[in-house]
Amino acid sequence: MTTALMELQQTINAMIKRADDAYHRAARTAGLSDAAFDILYALHVAGEGCSQSLLCELCFSRKQTINSAIKRLQEDGTVRLESGPGRSTHVYLTARGRDLVTERINPIIKAELTALDSVPATQRAALAAALTTYTSALVRSLNAIGDD
């Protein structure tokens, strides 16, 4: 690999870590675990009634992590569960959960949109395309490790 690519990768990794840290701090400030934050965010964005398996996909987390967080959110009255078709279970926000989303998740979404708005409009599509290309290639490369 070239030095330029290595330096670029270090910069990208540093920015990813910085963003991850910012989300972690935002979750903690909101009084939420990272998993609980991700679940509430996903329920708000994707809509209530998500299955637990869909939440795993949306949150990029393992089933056990999501199920444990849902159990804690259910115990504190933030979400409720309902049986769905077959063996699926769907997650809904309670009144307390909707209030929590309004108070704690919406400001984070607003901050994300403000940050995105700081990117010149002419560069936004290129940013999304580059991130998609990079992430897809990285996932393919990491998945291939050990397949040799």
Protein backbone atom coordinates (compact mmCIF):
# COMPACT_ATOMS: atom_id res chain seq x y z
CA MET A 1 0.00 0.00 0.00
CA THR A 2 1.14 3.51 -0.69
CA THR A 3 1.95 5.97 2.06
CA ALA A 4 -0.81 8.26 0.77
CA LEU A 5 -3.41 5.49 1.13
CA MET A 6 -2.16 4.61 4.61
CA GLU A 7 -2.39 8.26 5.68
CA LEU A 8 -5.88 8.57 4.20
CA GLN A 9 -6.96 5.40 6.01
CA GLN A 10 -5.62 6.77 9.31
CA THR A 11 -7.58 9.97 8.77
CA ILE A 12 -10.76 8.07 7.91
CA ASN A 13 -10.36 5.79 10.95
CA ALA A 14 -9.80 8.79 13.21
CA MET A 15 -12.96 10.48 11.92
CA ILE A 16 -15.01 7.29 12.34
CA LYS A 17 -13.74 6.89 15.91
CA ARG A 18 -14.46 10.56 16.60
CA ALA A 19 -18.04 10.20 15.36
CA ASP A 20 -18.51 6.94 17.33
CA ASP A 21 -17.26 8.70 20.46
CA ALA A 22 -19.64 11.62 19.88
CA TYR A 23 -22.60 9.23 19.58
CA HIS A 24 -21.48 7.36 22.71
CA ARG A 25 -21.27 10.63 24.67
CA ALA A 26 -24.67 11.72 23.32
CA ALA A 27 -26.21 8.43 24.45
CA ARG A 28 -24.65 8.77 27.91
CA THR A 29 -25.79 12.39 28.19
CA ALA A 30 -29.29 11.16 27.33
CA GLY A 31 -28.99 8.59 30.12
CA LEU A 32 -29.03 5.69 27.67
CA SER A 33 -26.76 2.80 26.85
CA ASP A 34 -25.46 2.73 23.29
CA ALA A 35 -27.84 -0.13 22.44
CA ALA A 36 -30.86 1.62 23.98
CA PHE A 37 -29.98 4.79 22.10
CA ASP A 38 -29.72 2.85 18.82
CA ILE A 39 -33.07 1.14 19.43
CA LEU A 40 -34.92 4.36 20.22
CA TYR A 41 -33.31 6.07 17.22
CA ALA A 42 -34.28 3.17 14.93
CA LEU A 43 -37.86 3.05 16.24
CA HIS A 44 -38.18 6.77 15.63
CA VAL A 45 -36.70 6.74 12.13
CA ALA A 46 -38.02 3.40 10.84
CA GLY A 47 -41.34 3.60 12.63
CA GLU A 48 -42.77 1.81 15.57
CA GLY A 49 -43.66 -1.83 15.34
CA CYS A 50 -40.25 -2.97 14.13
CA SER A 51 -39.53 -6.60 14.74
CA GLN A 52 -36.64 -7.42 17.02
CA SER A 53 -34.79 -8.97 14.08
CA LEU A 54 -35.23 -5.79 12.01
CA LEU A 55 -33.90 -3.76 14.95
CA CYS A 56 -30.79 -5.97 14.96
CA GLU A 57 -30.25 -5.09 11.30
CA LEU A 58 -30.97 -1.38 11.73
CA CYS A 59 -28.73 -1.10 14.80
CA PHE A 60 -25.95 -3.31 13.38
CA SER A 61 -25.96 -5.23 16.66
CA ARG A 62 -26.19 -8.82 17.70
CA LYS A 63 -29.51 -10.32 18.73
CA GLN A 64 -28.46 -10.78 22.36
CA THR A 65 -27.39 -7.14 22.68
CA ILE A 66 -30.68 -5.86 21.24
CA ASN A 67 -32.81 -8.29 23.25
CA SER A 68 -31.07 -7.32 26.51
CA ALA A 69 -31.51 -3.61 25.79
CA ILE A 70 -35.17 -4.10 24.83
CA LYS A 71 -35.76 -5.97 28.08
CA ARG A 72 -34.30 -3.05 30.09
CA LEU A 73 -36.33 -0.53 28.05
CA GLN A 74 -39.45 -2.60 28.64
CA GLU A 75 -38.76 -2.82 32.38
CA ASP A 76 -38.44 0.95 32.68
CA GLY A 77 -41.63 1.54 30.69
CA THR A 78 -40.02 2.95 27.55
CA VAL A 79 -41.16 0.25 25.10
CA ARG A 80 -43.77 -2.47 24.95
CA LEU A 81 -43.71 -5.71 23.00
CA GLU A 82 -46.47 -7.28 20.95
CA SER A 83 -46.58 -10.61 19.20
CA GLY A 84 -46.44 -10.41 15.45
CA PRO A 85 -47.01 -12.95 12.72
CA GLY A 86 -45.34 -16.28 13.37
CA ARG A 87 -42.70 -16.08 16.06
CA SER A 88 -41.85 -12.42 15.55
CA THR A 89 -42.13 -9.86 18.31
CA HIS A 90 -42.64 -6.20 17.53
CA VAL A 91 -41.42 -3.26 19.59
CA TYR A 92 -43.47 -0.12 20.21
CA LEU A 93 -42.72 3.06 22.10
CA THR A 94 -44.86 3.81 25.15
CA ALA A 95 -45.90 7.38 26.00
CA ARG A 96 -42.74 7.58 28.12
CA GLY A 97 -40.72 6.28 25.16
CA ARG A 98 -42.19 8.86 22.80
CA ASP A 99 -41.36 11.60 25.31
CA LEU A 100 -37.82 10.27 25.59
CA VAL A 101 -37.43 10.29 21.81
CA THR A 102 -38.70 13.87 21.65
CA GLU A 103 -36.40 15.03 24.44
CA ARG A 104 -33.28 12.96 23.75
CA ILE A 105 -33.25 11.54 20.20
CA ASN A 106 -34.73 14.41 18.19
CA PRO A 107 -31.97 16.86 19.25
CA ILE A 108 -29.37 14.37 18.03
CA ILE A 109 -31.11 14.00 14.69
CA LYS A 110 -31.24 17.79 14.47
CA ALA A 111 -27.48 17.93 15.17
CA GLU A 112 -26.88 15.36 12.42
CA LEU A 113 -28.91 17.40 9.94
CA THR A 114 -27.11 20.59 10.96
CA ALA A 115 -23.77 18.87 10.39
CA LEU A 116 -24.92 17.58 7.00
CA ASP A 117 -26.16 21.05 6.12
CA SER A 118 -22.60 22.31 6.71
CA VAL A 119 -21.47 20.24 3.72
CA PRO A 120 -21.97 22.28 0.56
CA ALA A 121 -25.05 21.08 -1.30
CA THR A 122 -22.95 20.42 -4.39
CA GLN A 123 -20.80 17.92 -2.40
CA ARG A 124 -23.52 15.95 -0.56
CA ALA A 125 -24.24 13.39 -3.27
CA ALA A 126 -20.52 12.78 -3.78
CA LEU A 127 -20.05 12.35 -0.01
CA ALA A 128 -22.85 9.78 0.14
CA ALA A 129 -21.53 7.96 -2.94
CA ALA A 130 -17.96 7.86 -1.61
CA LEU A 131 -19.08 6.62 1.81
CA THR A 132 -21.22 3.93 0.20
CA THR A 133 -18.41 2.77 -2.10
CA TYR A 134 -15.83 2.76 0.71
CA THR A 135 -18.08 1.00 3.24
CA SER A 136 -19.21 -1.66 0.77
CA ALA A 137 -15.62 -2.41 -0.26
CA LEU A 138 -14.47 -2.51 3.36
CA VAL A 139 -17.24 -4.90 4.37
CA ARG A 140 -16.44 -7.18 1.42
CA SER A 141 -12.73 -7.15 2.28
CA LEU A 142 -13.29 -7.81 5.98
CA ASN A 143 -15.80 -10.58 5.23
CA ALA A 144 -13.23 -12.21 2.94
CA ILE A 145 -10.65 -12.49 5.73
CA GLY A 146 -10.42 -16.12 6.66
CA ASP A 147 -12.24 -17.27 3.53
CA ASP A 148 -8.93 -18.10 1.85
